Structure formats: structure tokens, C-alpha cells
């Protein structure tokens, strides 16, 4: 649970560095999860075995 909170905080910090008018697309975090899991509406945890 701590890792998820740290990643979400990092994503928010990075997104604040970009101008508001910049279009940022979807993203993914490669991990060892057994299945796809959404982080938020545009980002996902993607299992390494799936790639």
C-alpha cells in the first residue's frame, strides 16, 4: 500500500511540472502484479509477464 501511495504522489508531482495546456497521454507502471490494475483513469499497473 505504501508503494502505491508513493507512486501516486510522484505522478502528481511530475504532472504539476508540465504546463496546463500540454496534453499528457495514458501511462503504465511495469510491475509484478498478477493482472492489470488501474492507478487512475489514465494510468495502469501492467504485469511484466504481459509485455
N, C-alpha and C. Protein backbone atom coordinates (compact mmCIF):
# COMPACT_ATOMS: atom_id res chain seq x y z
N UNK A 1 0.82 -1.19 0.00
CA UNK A 1 0.00 0.00 0.00
C UNK A 1 0.87 1.26 0.00
N UNK A 2 1.99 1.22 0.72
CA UNK A 2 2.89 2.37 0.78
C UNK A 2 3.46 2.69 -0.60
N UNK A 3 3.82 1.66 -1.35
CA UNK A 3 4.39 1.87 -2.68
C UNK A 3 3.38 2.57 -3.58
N UNK A 4 2.13 2.14 -3.53
CA UNK A 4 1.09 2.74 -4.36
C UNK A 4 0.95 4.23 -4.02
N UNK A 5 0.94 4.57 -2.74
CA UNK A 5 0.82 5.97 -2.34
C UNK A 5 2.02 6.78 -2.81
N UNK A 6 3.20 6.19 -2.73
CA UNK A 6 4.41 6.89 -3.17
C UNK A 6 4.38 7.12 -4.67
N UNK A 7 3.93 6.14 -5.43
CA UNK A 7 3.86 6.28 -6.88
C UNK A 7 2.82 7.33 -7.26
N UNK A 8 1.66 7.31 -6.62
CA UNK A 8 0.63 8.30 -6.92
C UNK A 8 1.13 9.70 -6.62
N UNK A 9 1.83 9.87 -5.50
CA UNK A 9 2.36 11.19 -5.15
C UNK A 9 3.40 11.64 -6.18
N UNK A 10 4.22 10.71 -6.65
CA UNK A 10 5.24 11.03 -7.65
C UNK A 10 4.59 11.43 -8.96
N UNK A 11 3.56 10.72 -9.37
CA UNK A 11 2.85 11.06 -10.61
C UNK A 11 2.25 12.45 -10.51
N UNK A 12 1.67 12.79 -9.37
CA UNK A 12 1.09 14.11 -9.19
C UNK A 12 2.18 15.20 -9.24
N UNK A 13 3.34 14.95 -8.63
CA UNK A 13 4.43 15.92 -8.66
C UNK A 13 4.93 16.14 -10.08
N UNK A 14 5.09 15.05 -10.82
CA UNK A 14 5.56 15.15 -12.21
C UNK A 14 4.54 15.90 -13.06
N UNK A 15 3.26 15.60 -12.89
CA UNK A 15 2.23 16.24 -13.71
C UNK A 15 2.15 17.74 -13.44
N UNK A 16 2.52 18.18 -12.23
CA UNK A 16 2.49 19.62 -11.90
C UNK A 16 3.64 20.37 -12.57
N UNK A 17 4.68 19.65 -13.01
CA UNK A 17 5.81 20.30 -13.66
C UNK A 17 5.50 20.71 -15.10
N UNK A 18 4.47 20.13 -15.69
CA UNK A 18 4.13 20.42 -17.08
C UNK A 18 3.09 21.54 -17.14
N UNK A 19 3.13 22.35 -18.20
CA UNK A 19 2.12 23.41 -18.36
C UNK A 19 0.72 22.80 -18.48
N UNK A 20 -0.27 23.58 -18.09
CA UNK A 20 -1.66 23.12 -18.14
C UNK A 20 -2.12 22.78 -19.55
N UNK A 21 -1.60 23.45 -20.55
CA UNK A 21 -2.06 23.23 -21.91
C UNK A 21 -1.39 22.05 -22.60
N UNK A 22 -0.43 21.43 -21.93
CA UNK A 22 0.25 20.28 -22.51
C UNK A 22 -0.66 19.05 -22.39
N UNK A 23 -0.77 18.29 -23.45
CA UNK A 23 -1.61 17.09 -23.45
C UNK A 23 -0.76 15.89 -23.04
N UNK A 24 -1.05 15.32 -21.88
CA UNK A 24 -0.33 14.15 -21.39
C UNK A 24 -1.21 12.93 -21.61
N UNK A 25 -0.68 11.92 -22.29
CA UNK A 25 -1.46 10.73 -22.62
C UNK A 25 -1.51 9.72 -21.50
N UNK A 26 -1.91 8.53 -21.85
CA UNK A 26 -2.00 7.43 -20.89
C UNK A 26 -0.62 6.91 -20.54
N UNK A 27 -0.53 6.24 -19.39
CA UNK A 27 0.76 5.71 -18.95
C UNK A 27 0.60 4.37 -18.27
N UNK A 28 1.74 3.76 -17.96
CA UNK A 28 1.72 2.45 -17.30
C UNK A 28 2.95 2.31 -16.42
N UNK A 29 2.79 1.52 -15.37
CA UNK A 29 3.88 1.16 -14.48
C UNK A 29 4.09 -0.35 -14.64
N UNK A 30 5.28 -0.75 -15.06
CA UNK A 30 5.58 -2.17 -15.22
C UNK A 30 5.86 -2.74 -13.82
N UNK A 31 5.18 -3.83 -13.49
CA UNK A 31 5.32 -4.38 -12.14
C UNK A 31 5.14 -5.90 -12.17
N UNK A 32 5.14 -6.50 -11.01
CA UNK A 32 4.99 -7.95 -10.88
C UNK A 32 3.59 -8.35 -10.44
N UNK A 33 2.61 -7.49 -10.67
CA UNK A 33 1.22 -7.79 -10.30
C UNK A 33 0.72 -8.95 -11.16
N UNK A 34 -0.24 -9.73 -10.66
CA UNK A 34 -0.77 -10.84 -11.45
C UNK A 34 -1.73 -10.41 -12.56
N UNK A 35 -2.26 -9.19 -12.48
CA UNK A 35 -3.21 -8.73 -13.51
C UNK A 35 -3.13 -7.21 -13.66
N UNK A 36 -3.76 -6.69 -14.71
CA UNK A 36 -3.82 -5.25 -14.92
C UNK A 36 -4.65 -4.60 -13.81
N UNK A 37 -4.15 -3.50 -13.29
CA UNK A 37 -4.88 -2.76 -12.26
C UNK A 37 -4.81 -1.27 -12.58
N UNK A 38 -5.93 -0.57 -12.51
CA UNK A 38 -5.90 0.87 -12.77
C UNK A 38 -5.31 1.64 -11.60
N UNK A 39 -4.47 2.63 -11.90
CA UNK A 39 -3.98 3.55 -10.89
C UNK A 39 -4.97 4.70 -10.77
N UNK A 40 -5.34 5.23 -11.92
CA UNK A 40 -6.38 6.26 -12.01
C UNK A 40 -7.02 6.12 -13.39
N UNK A 41 -7.72 7.12 -13.84
CA UNK A 41 -8.46 6.99 -15.09
C UNK A 41 -7.57 6.88 -16.33
N UNK A 42 -6.28 7.28 -16.23
CA UNK A 42 -5.41 7.25 -17.40
C UNK A 42 -4.15 6.42 -17.24
N UNK A 43 -3.93 5.83 -16.09
CA UNK A 43 -2.69 5.10 -15.83
C UNK A 43 -2.98 3.72 -15.26
N UNK A 44 -2.10 2.77 -15.61
CA UNK A 44 -2.32 1.37 -15.22
C UNK A 44 -1.05 0.74 -14.67
N UNK A 45 -1.22 -0.23 -13.77
CA UNK A 45 -0.15 -1.15 -13.41
C UNK A 45 -0.22 -2.29 -14.42
N UNK A 46 0.88 -2.57 -15.11
CA UNK A 46 0.92 -3.60 -16.14
C UNK A 46 1.89 -4.70 -15.71
N UNK A 47 1.42 -5.95 -15.62
CA UNK A 47 2.32 -7.04 -15.25
C UNK A 47 3.42 -7.24 -16.29
N UNK A 48 4.62 -7.50 -15.81
CA UNK A 48 5.76 -7.68 -16.73
C UNK A 48 5.54 -8.88 -17.65
N UNK A 49 4.86 -9.91 -17.17
CA UNK A 49 4.65 -11.11 -18.00
C UNK A 49 3.74 -10.82 -19.18
N UNK A 50 2.98 -9.74 -19.12
CA UNK A 50 2.04 -9.40 -20.19
C UNK A 50 2.74 -8.74 -21.39
N UNK A 51 3.92 -8.21 -21.17
CA UNK A 51 4.61 -7.47 -22.24
C UNK A 51 5.34 -8.42 -23.17
